[in-house]
Amino acid sequence: MRERHTSFPIPSLDPVDLPVAVHRCSLDQALAKFGSGNPRRSALGAELTKIFNAAFSTGHLTRFIVFGSFVTAKEKPNDIDIFLMMDDKFEISEAAEYSKNLFHHRMAQITFGASVFWLRRKAALEGEDRMIENWQIKRDGTRRGIIEITTHPK
């Protein structure tokens, strides 16, 4: 994963969702904003950390996107929704056993309590930025802000 840093805090929710954009932040910033405040959010924050570490450990993670109810003002989000962009050399068979569960949607739900979607870069036919922007579209067709976790905690 390429290290990209941001000094910008995650903006305030307006009133439920983030403003429309891809908001880049560190894992620590994401956890401080969305992974605390009540037992459900704390539990999901712990799972987000495990997911990020599992994806990062493959050595092939290029983008880590979080969207859905976890990055809203909803008091008790259902789960964590994640999109992983992997480099073109990524092979599931080469990942550690624990990390392999991320790349099978149902196993990710069972193991991590998350909905995980992923692609290799070359499969993003309209380009990776356009692919990521599409995760801003909600079921009702409106758009929401999402976050991209860009740095691994030290």
N, C-alpha and C. Protein backbone atom coordinates (compact mmCIF):
# COMPACT_ATOMS: atom_id res chain seq x y z
N MET A 1 0.85 -1.18 0.00
CA MET A 1 0.00 0.00 0.00
C MET A 1 0.89 1.22 0.00
N ARG A 2 0.64 2.11 -0.92
CA ARG A 2 1.43 3.34 -0.93
C ARG A 2 1.02 4.20 0.25
N GLU A 3 1.99 4.77 0.92
CA GLU A 3 1.72 5.61 2.08
C GLU A 3 1.34 7.00 1.59
N ARG A 4 0.14 7.41 1.94
CA ARG A 4 -0.32 8.76 1.62
C ARG A 4 -0.80 9.36 2.92
N HIS A 5 -0.35 10.54 3.22
CA HIS A 5 -0.70 11.15 4.50
C HIS A 5 -1.64 12.32 4.26
N THR A 6 -2.45 12.60 5.24
CA THR A 6 -3.33 13.75 5.19
C THR A 6 -3.31 14.42 6.55
N SER A 7 -3.35 15.73 6.52
CA SER A 7 -3.42 16.46 7.78
C SER A 7 -4.83 16.98 8.00
N PHE A 8 -5.74 16.61 7.13
CA PHE A 8 -7.11 17.08 7.23
C PHE A 8 -7.94 16.16 8.11
N PRO A 9 -8.65 16.73 9.07
CA PRO A 9 -9.54 15.89 9.88
C PRO A 9 -10.75 15.45 9.06
N ILE A 10 -11.36 14.38 9.48
CA ILE A 10 -12.60 13.94 8.85
C ILE A 10 -13.65 15.01 9.14
N PRO A 11 -14.38 15.50 8.13
CA PRO A 11 -15.35 16.57 8.38
C PRO A 11 -16.53 16.11 9.22
N SER A 12 -17.28 17.08 9.70
CA SER A 12 -18.49 16.80 10.47
C SER A 12 -19.54 16.16 9.57
N LEU A 13 -20.39 15.36 10.19
CA LEU A 13 -21.49 14.73 9.47
C LEU A 13 -22.54 15.80 9.17
N ASP A 14 -23.24 15.65 8.06
CA ASP A 14 -24.14 16.70 7.60
C ASP A 14 -25.52 16.16 7.22
N PRO A 15 -26.48 15.97 8.07
CA PRO A 15 -26.39 15.74 9.51
C PRO A 15 -26.09 14.28 9.81
N VAL A 16 -26.38 13.37 8.86
CA VAL A 16 -26.18 11.94 9.11
C VAL A 16 -24.96 11.42 8.36
N ASP A 17 -24.80 11.83 7.13
CA ASP A 17 -23.72 11.35 6.27
C ASP A 17 -22.56 12.34 6.23
N LEU A 18 -21.41 11.86 5.79
CA LEU A 18 -20.29 12.74 5.50
C LEU A 18 -20.62 13.55 4.26
N PRO A 19 -20.05 14.75 4.12
CA PRO A 19 -20.23 15.48 2.86
C PRO A 19 -19.69 14.63 1.70
N VAL A 20 -20.30 14.76 0.53
CA VAL A 20 -19.93 13.95 -0.62
C VAL A 20 -18.47 14.20 -1.00
N ALA A 21 -17.66 13.18 -0.91
CA ALA A 21 -16.24 13.20 -1.27
C ALA A 21 -15.63 11.91 -0.76
N VAL A 22 -14.41 11.66 -1.19
CA VAL A 22 -13.61 10.58 -0.62
C VAL A 22 -12.68 11.26 0.38
N HIS A 23 -12.94 11.06 1.65
CA HIS A 23 -12.19 11.71 2.72
C HIS A 23 -11.04 10.80 3.15
N ARG A 24 -9.82 11.24 2.94
CA ARG A 24 -8.65 10.44 3.28
C ARG A 24 -8.26 10.69 4.74
N CYS A 25 -7.94 9.60 5.43
CA CYS A 25 -7.58 9.70 6.84
C CYS A 25 -6.75 8.49 7.24
N SER A 26 -6.18 8.56 8.41
CA SER A 26 -5.45 7.42 8.96
C SER A 26 -6.44 6.47 9.64
N LEU A 27 -5.98 5.28 9.93
CA LEU A 27 -6.80 4.33 10.68
C LEU A 27 -7.15 4.93 12.04
N ASP A 28 -6.18 5.55 12.68
CA ASP A 28 -6.44 6.15 14.00
C ASP A 28 -7.51 7.22 13.93
N GLN A 29 -7.49 8.06 12.88
CA GLN A 29 -8.53 9.09 12.73
C GLN A 29 -9.90 8.45 12.52
N ALA A 30 -9.96 7.40 11.70
CA ALA A 30 -11.23 6.72 11.44
C ALA A 30 -11.78 6.11 12.73
N LEU A 31 -10.92 5.50 13.51
CA LEU A 31 -11.36 4.89 14.76
C LEU A 31 -11.83 5.94 15.76
N ALA A 32 -11.13 7.05 15.83
CA ALA A 32 -11.53 8.12 16.76
C ALA A 32 -12.90 8.68 16.38
N LYS A 33 -13.17 8.80 15.10
CA LYS A 33 -14.43 9.41 14.64
C LYS A 33 -15.59 8.42 14.67
N PHE A 34 -15.34 7.17 14.25
CA PHE A 34 -16.45 6.23 14.05
C PHE A 34 -16.37 4.96 14.89
N GLY A 35 -15.24 4.67 15.49
CA GLY A 35 -15.07 3.40 16.20
C GLY A 35 -15.13 3.53 17.70
N SER A 36 -15.90 4.48 18.19
CA SER A 36 -16.04 4.66 19.64
C SER A 36 -17.38 5.32 19.93
N GLY A 37 -17.67 5.47 21.20
CA GLY A 37 -18.90 6.16 21.59
C GLY A 37 -19.95 5.26 22.20
N ASN A 38 -19.95 3.99 21.80
CA ASN A 38 -20.85 3.00 22.40
C ASN A 38 -20.26 1.62 22.13
N PRO A 39 -20.77 0.60 22.82
CA PRO A 39 -20.18 -0.75 22.66
C PRO A 39 -20.23 -1.28 21.22
N ARG A 40 -21.29 -0.99 20.48
CA ARG A 40 -21.38 -1.48 19.11
C ARG A 40 -20.31 -0.85 18.23
N ARG A 41 -20.16 0.45 18.32
CA ARG A 41 -19.15 1.14 17.51
C ARG A 41 -17.73 0.71 17.93
N SER A 42 -17.52 0.50 19.22
CA SER A 42 -16.20 0.04 19.68
C SER A 42 -15.89 -1.34 19.13
N ALA A 43 -16.88 -2.23 19.13
CA ALA A 43 -16.69 -3.59 18.59
C ALA A 43 -16.39 -3.53 17.09
N LEU A 44 -17.14 -2.71 16.37
CA LEU A 44 -16.90 -2.58 14.93
C LEU A 44 -15.54 -1.94 14.67
N GLY A 45 -15.13 -0.99 15.51
CA GLY A 45 -13.81 -0.39 15.37
C GLY A 45 -12.71 -1.42 15.53
N ALA A 46 -12.88 -2.32 16.48
CA ALA A 46 -11.90 -3.40 16.67
C ALA A 46 -11.84 -4.30 15.44
N GLU A 47 -13.00 -4.59 14.85
CA GLU A 47 -13.04 -5.41 13.63
C GLU A 47 -12.40 -4.68 12.46
N LEU A 48 -12.65 -3.37 12.36
CA LEU A 48 -12.03 -2.58 11.29
C LEU A 48 -10.51 -2.67 11.38
N THR A 49 -9.98 -2.60 12.57
CA THR A 49 -8.54 -2.72 12.77
C THR A 49 -8.04 -4.08 12.29
N LYS A 50 -8.75 -5.14 12.65
CA LYS A 50 -8.36 -6.49 12.21
C LYS A 50 -8.41 -6.60 10.69
N ILE A 51 -9.45 -6.05 10.09
CA ILE A 51 -9.61 -6.11 8.63
C ILE A 51 -8.47 -5.36 7.95
N PHE A 52 -8.21 -4.14 8.43
CA PHE A 52 -7.15 -3.35 7.83
C PHE A 52 -5.81 -4.08 7.94
N ASN A 53 -5.51 -4.61 9.11
CA ASN A 53 -4.25 -5.33 9.30
C ASN A 53 -4.17 -6.56 8.41
N ALA A 54 -5.27 -7.29 8.26
CA ALA A 54 -5.28 -8.48 7.40
C ALA A 54 -5.05 -8.10 5.94
N ALA A 55 -5.71 -7.04 5.49
CA ALA A 55 -5.54 -6.59 4.11
C ALA A 55 -4.12 -6.06 3.88
N PHE A 56 -3.64 -5.25 4.82
CA PHE A 56 -2.31 -4.67 4.73
C PHE A 56 -1.24 -5.75 4.71
N SER A 57 -1.45 -6.82 5.47
CA SER A 57 -0.45 -7.89 5.59
C SER A 57 -0.22 -8.64 4.28
N THR A 58 -1.13 -8.52 3.31
CA THR A 58 -0.92 -9.20 2.03
C THR A 58 0.22 -8.59 1.24
N GLY A 59 0.55 -7.34 1.54
CA GLY A 59 1.57 -6.64 0.77
C GLY A 59 1.09 -6.15 -0.58
N HIS A 60 -0.20 -6.29 -0.86
CA HIS A 60 -0.74 -5.93 -2.16
C HIS A 60 -1.90 -4.92 -2.10
N LEU A 61 -2.20 -4.43 -0.92
CA LEU A 61 -3.29 -3.46 -0.76
C LEU A 61 -2.88 -2.11 -1.33
N THR A 62 -3.72 -1.54 -2.20
CA THR A 62 -3.43 -0.21 -2.74
C THR A 62 -4.43 0.84 -2.26
N ARG A 63 -5.68 0.47 -2.03
CA ARG A 63 -6.70 1.41 -1.54
C ARG A 63 -7.62 0.67 -0.58
N PHE A 64 -8.01 1.35 0.52
CA PHE A 64 -8.87 0.76 1.54
C PHE A 64 -10.00 1.75 1.79
N ILE A 65 -11.19 1.43 1.32
CA ILE A 65 -12.35 2.32 1.35
C ILE A 65 -13.37 1.80 2.34
N VAL A 66 -13.92 2.69 3.17
CA VAL A 66 -14.96 2.34 4.12
C VAL A 66 -16.19 3.20 3.80
N PHE A 67 -17.34 2.56 3.71
CA PHE A 67 -18.58 3.27 3.37
C PHE A 67 -19.72 2.65 4.16
N GLY A 68 -20.92 3.11 3.95
CA GLY A 68 -22.08 2.53 4.61
C GLY A 68 -22.33 3.12 5.98
N SER A 69 -23.16 2.43 6.77
CA SER A 69 -23.65 2.97 8.03
C SER A 69 -22.55 3.21 9.06
N PHE A 70 -21.42 2.52 8.95
CA PHE A 70 -20.34 2.72 9.92
C PHE A 70 -19.81 4.15 9.87
N VAL A 71 -19.78 4.76 8.68
CA VAL A 71 -19.25 6.12 8.55
C VAL A 71 -20.38 7.15 8.48
N THR A 72 -21.42 6.91 9.29
CA THR A 72 -22.54 7.84 9.43
C THR A 72 -22.76 8.11 10.92
N ALA A 73 -23.80 8.87 11.19
CA ALA A 73 -24.18 9.16 12.58
C ALA A 73 -25.04 8.07 13.19
N LYS A 74 -25.32 7.01 12.45
CA LYS A 74 -26.16 5.94 12.98
C LYS A 74 -25.54 5.40 14.28
N GLU A 75 -26.33 5.35 15.34
CA GLU A 75 -25.82 4.96 16.65
C GLU A 75 -25.30 3.52 16.65
N LYS A 76 -26.04 2.62 16.02
CA LYS A 76 -25.64 1.21 16.00
C LYS A 76 -25.59 0.71 14.56
N PRO A 77 -24.47 0.93 13.88
CA PRO A 77 -24.33 0.46 12.50
C PRO A 77 -24.51 -1.05 12.42
N ASN A 78 -25.02 -1.51 11.29
CA ASN A 78 -25.24 -2.95 11.08
C ASN A 78 -23.92 -3.71 11.00
N ASP A 79 -22.99 -3.16 10.24
CA ASP A 79 -21.71 -3.81 10.01
C ASP A 79 -20.77 -2.77 9.43
N ILE A 80 -19.66 -3.24 8.88
CA ILE A 80 -18.71 -2.36 8.20
C ILE A 80 -18.72 -2.77 6.73
N ASP A 81 -18.82 -1.79 5.85
CA ASP A 81 -18.77 -2.02 4.41
C ASP A 81 -17.42 -1.53 3.90
N ILE A 82 -16.72 -2.41 3.19
CA ILE A 82 -15.35 -2.10 2.78
C ILE A 82 -15.14 -2.50 1.32
N PHE A 83 -14.39 -1.66 0.63
CA PHE A 83 -13.93 -1.98 -0.71
C PHE A 83 -12.41 -1.95 -0.70
N LEU A 84 -11.79 -3.02 -1.17
CA LEU A 84 -10.33 -3.14 -1.23
C LEU A 84 -9.89 -3.11 -2.68
N MET A 85 -8.94 -2.25 -3.00
CA MET A 85 -8.29 -2.27 -4.31
C MET A 85 -6.94 -2.92 -4.09
N MET A 86 -6.70 -4.00 -4.80
CA MET A 86 -5.46 -4.75 -4.67
C MET A 86 -4.63 -4.55 -5.93
N ASP A 87 -3.30 -4.64 -5.79
CA ASP A 87 -2.48 -4.50 -6.99
C ASP A 87 -2.66 -5.72 -7.89
N ASP A 88 -2.19 -5.61 -9.09
CA ASP A 88 -2.43 -6.64 -10.10
C ASP A 88 -1.70 -7.95 -9.83
N LYS A 89 -0.70 -7.95 -8.97
CA LYS A 89 0.05 -9.17 -8.65
C LYS A 89 -0.58 -9.98 -7.52
N PHE A 90 -1.64 -9.45 -6.92
CA PHE A 90 -2.26 -10.12 -5.78
C PHE A 90 -2.87 -11.46 -6.19
N GLU A 91 -2.56 -12.48 -5.40
CA GLU A 91 -3.14 -13.81 -5.56
C GLU A 91 -3.65 -14.26 -4.20
N ILE A 92 -4.92 -14.60 -4.11
CA ILE A 92 -5.50 -15.04 -2.84
C ILE A 92 -4.72 -16.21 -2.27
N SER A 93 -4.30 -17.12 -3.13
CA SER A 93 -3.61 -18.33 -2.66
C SER A 93 -2.31 -18.01 -1.93
N GLU A 94 -1.74 -16.84 -2.16
CA GLU A 94 -0.49 -16.47 -1.51
C GLU A 94 -0.70 -15.72 -0.20
N ALA A 95 -1.93 -15.37 0.11
CA ALA A 95 -2.21 -14.63 1.35
C ALA A 95 -2.18 -15.57 2.55
N ALA A 96 -1.91 -15.01 3.71
CA ALA A 96 -1.98 -15.79 4.95
C ALA A 96 -3.40 -16.33 5.10
N GLU A 97 -3.51 -17.46 5.73
CA GLU A 97 -4.81 -18.13 5.88
C GLU A 97 -5.89 -17.20 6.42
N TYR A 98 -5.57 -16.45 7.46
CA TYR A 98 -6.52 -15.54 8.08
C TYR A 98 -6.97 -14.45 7.10
N SER A 99 -6.04 -13.93 6.32
CA SER A 99 -6.35 -12.86 5.36
C SER A 99 -7.21 -13.36 4.20
N LYS A 100 -7.10 -14.63 3.86
CA LYS A 100 -7.88 -15.18 2.74
C LYS A 100 -9.37 -14.98 2.94
N ASN A 101 -9.83 -14.98 4.19
CA ASN A 101 -11.26 -14.81 4.46
C ASN A 101 -11.80 -13.48 3.97
N LEU A 102 -10.94 -12.47 3.87
CA LEU A 102 -11.39 -11.16 3.37
C LEU A 102 -11.86 -11.22 1.93
N PHE A 103 -11.33 -12.14 1.17
CA PHE A 103 -11.54 -12.15 -0.26
C PHE A 103 -12.63 -13.13 -0.70
N HIS A 104 -13.41 -13.60 0.27
CA HIS A 104 -14.60 -14.41 0.04
C HIS A 104 -15.70 -13.74 0.84
N HIS A 105 -16.64 -13.12 0.14
CA HIS A 105 -17.63 -12.24 0.76
C HIS A 105 -18.30 -12.86 1.99
N ARG A 106 -18.79 -14.07 1.87
CA ARG A 106 -19.50 -14.71 2.99
C ARG A 106 -18.56 -14.98 4.16
N MET A 107 -17.34 -15.42 3.87
CA MET A 107 -16.38 -15.68 4.95
C MET A 107 -15.99 -14.38 5.65
N ALA A 108 -15.91 -13.28 4.92
CA ALA A 108 -15.61 -11.99 5.55
C ALA A 108 -16.73 -11.60 6.50
N GLN A 109 -17.97 -11.88 6.12
CA GLN A 109 -19.09 -11.58 7.01
C GLN A 109 -19.02 -12.42 8.28
N ILE A 110 -18.69 -13.70 8.13
CA ILE A 110 -18.62 -14.59 9.29
C ILE A 110 -17.42 -14.26 10.17
N THR A 111 -16.26 -14.08 9.56
CA THR A 111 -15.02 -13.89 10.30
C THR A 111 -14.88 -12.50 10.90
N PHE A 112 -15.26 -11.48 10.12
CA PHE A 112 -15.00 -10.10 10.52
C PHE A 112 -16.27 -9.28 10.77
N GLY A 113 -17.44 -9.82 10.46
CA GLY A 113 -18.66 -9.03 10.59
C GLY A 113 -18.69 -7.86 9.64
N ALA A 114 -18.18 -8.07 8.43
CA ALA A 114 -18.07 -6.99 7.45
C ALA A 114 -18.48 -7.48 6.07
N SER A 115 -18.98 -6.53 5.27
CA SER A 115 -19.21 -6.80 3.85
C SER A 115 -17.99 -6.27 3.11
N VAL A 116 -17.24 -7.19 2.55
CA VAL A 116 -15.98 -6.81 1.88
C VAL A 116 -16.11 -7.10 0.39
N PHE A 117 -15.80 -6.09 -0.40
CA PHE A 117 -15.77 -6.19 -1.86
C PHE A 117 -14.35 -5.85 -2.27
N TRP A 118 -13.88 -6.44 -3.37
CA TRP A 118 -12.51 -6.16 -3.78
C TRP A 118 -12.32 -6.37 -5.27
N LEU A 119 -11.29 -5.74 -5.79
CA LEU A 119 -10.86 -5.88 -7.19
C LEU A 119 -9.36 -5.71 -7.27
N ARG A 120 -8.79 -6.27 -8.33
CA ARG A 120 -7.42 -5.92 -8.70
C ARG A 120 -7.50 -4.65 -9.54
N ARG A 121 -6.47 -3.85 -9.51
CA ARG A 121 -6.46 -2.57 -10.24
C ARG A 121 -6.85 -2.73 -11.71
N LYS A 122 -6.33 -3.75 -12.36
CA LYS A 122 -6.59 -3.90 -13.79
C LYS A 122 -8.07 -4.15 -14.09
N ALA A 123 -8.83 -4.58 -13.11
CA ALA A 123 -10.26 -4.84 -13.31
C ALA A 123 -11.11 -3.58 -13.18
N ALA A 124 -10.53 -2.48 -12.76
CA ALA A 124 -11.26 -1.21 -12.65
C ALA A 124 -11.27 -0.57 -14.04
N LEU A 125 -12.18 -0.99 -14.86
CA LEU A 125 -12.18 -0.64 -16.28
C LEU A 125 -12.29 0.85 -16.55
N GLU A 126 -13.01 1.58 -15.70
CA GLU A 126 -13.13 3.03 -15.87
C GLU A 126 -12.06 3.78 -15.08
N GLY A 127 -11.14 3.05 -14.48
CA GLY A 127 -10.09 3.64 -13.65
C GLY A 127 -10.42 3.51 -12.18
N GLU A 128 -9.38 3.45 -11.36
CA GLU A 128 -9.61 3.18 -9.94
C GLU A 128 -10.31 4.33 -9.23
N ASP A 129 -10.02 5.58 -9.60
CA ASP A 129 -10.70 6.69 -8.95
C ASP A 129 -12.20 6.66 -9.24
N ARG A 130 -12.56 6.39 -10.46
CA ARG A 130 -13.98 6.30 -10.83
C ARG A 130 -14.64 5.13 -10.09
N MET A 131 -13.95 4.01 -9.99
CA MET A 131 -14.49 2.85 -9.28
C MET A 131 -14.77 3.22 -7.82
N ILE A 132 -13.84 3.91 -7.20
CA ILE A 132 -14.00 4.29 -5.80
C ILE A 132 -15.12 5.31 -5.64
N GLU A 133 -15.21 6.27 -6.55
CA GLU A 133 -16.29 7.25 -6.49
C GLU A 133 -17.66 6.58 -6.53
N ASN A 134 -17.78 5.48 -7.24
CA ASN A 134 -19.06 4.77 -7.34
C ASN A 134 -19.55 4.24 -5.99
N TRP A 135 -18.64 4.02 -5.03
CA TRP A 135 -19.06 3.55 -3.71
C TRP A 135 -19.75 4.66 -2.91
N GLN A 136 -19.75 5.88 -3.45
CA GLN A 136 -20.46 6.98 -2.80
C GLN A 136 -21.97 6.93 -3.08
N ILE A 137 -22.37 6.14 -4.05
CA ILE A 137 -23.77 6.09 -4.44
C ILE A 137 -24.54 5.15 -3.50
N LYS A 138 -25.59 5.70 -2.90
CA LYS A 138 -26.43 4.93 -1.98
C LYS A 138 -27.52 4.20 -2.77
N ARG A 139 -28.21 3.30 -2.11
CA ARG A 139 -29.26 2.51 -2.76
C ARG A 139 -30.34 3.38 -3.40
N ASP A 140 -30.61 4.55 -2.79
CA ASP A 140 -31.65 5.43 -3.34
C ASP A 140 -31.13 6.33 -4.46
N GLY A 141 -29.87 6.16 -4.85
CA GLY A 141 -29.30 6.92 -5.95
C GLY A 141 -28.62 8.22 -5.52
N THR A 142 -28.81 8.64 -4.28
CA THR A 142 -28.12 9.83 -3.80
C THR A 142 -26.68 9.47 -3.45
N ARG A 143 -25.88 10.50 -3.20
CA ARG A 143 -24.47 10.27 -2.91
C ARG A 143 -24.16 10.61 -1.46
N ARG A 144 -23.14 9.98 -0.95
CA ARG A 144 -22.68 10.19 0.42
C ARG A 144 -21.17 10.28 0.41
N GLY A 145 -20.61 10.79 1.49
CA GLY A 145 -19.17 10.78 1.65
C GLY A 145 -18.71 9.42 2.14
N ILE A 146 -17.50 9.05 1.78
CA ILE A 146 -16.89 7.80 2.21
C ILE A 146 -15.48 8.12 2.69
N ILE A 147 -14.83 7.17 3.33
CA ILE A 147 -13.45 7.42 3.76
C ILE A 147 -12.50 6.43 3.11
N GLU A 148 -11.28 6.90 2.92
CA GLU A 148 -10.19 6.06 2.45
C GLU A 148 -9.12 6.10 3.53
N ILE A 149 -8.84 4.95 4.09
CA ILE A 149 -7.79 4.86 5.10
C ILE A 149 -6.47 4.73 4.36
N THR A 150 -5.59 5.70 4.60
CA THR A 150 -4.40 5.82 3.75
C THR A 150 -3.09 5.47 4.44
N THR A 151 -3.11 5.35 5.75
CA THR A 151 -1.85 5.06 6.44
C THR A 151 -2.06 4.00 7.49
N HIS A 152 -1.04 3.22 7.69
CA HIS A 152 -1.06 2.19 8.71
C HIS A 152 -0.51 2.79 10.00
N PRO A 153 -1.14 2.51 11.13
CA PRO A 153 -0.59 3.05 12.38
C PRO A 153 0.79 2.46 12.64
N LYS A 154 1.59 3.23 13.29
CA LYS A 154 2.97 2.78 13.57
C LYS A 154 3.02 1.85 14.75
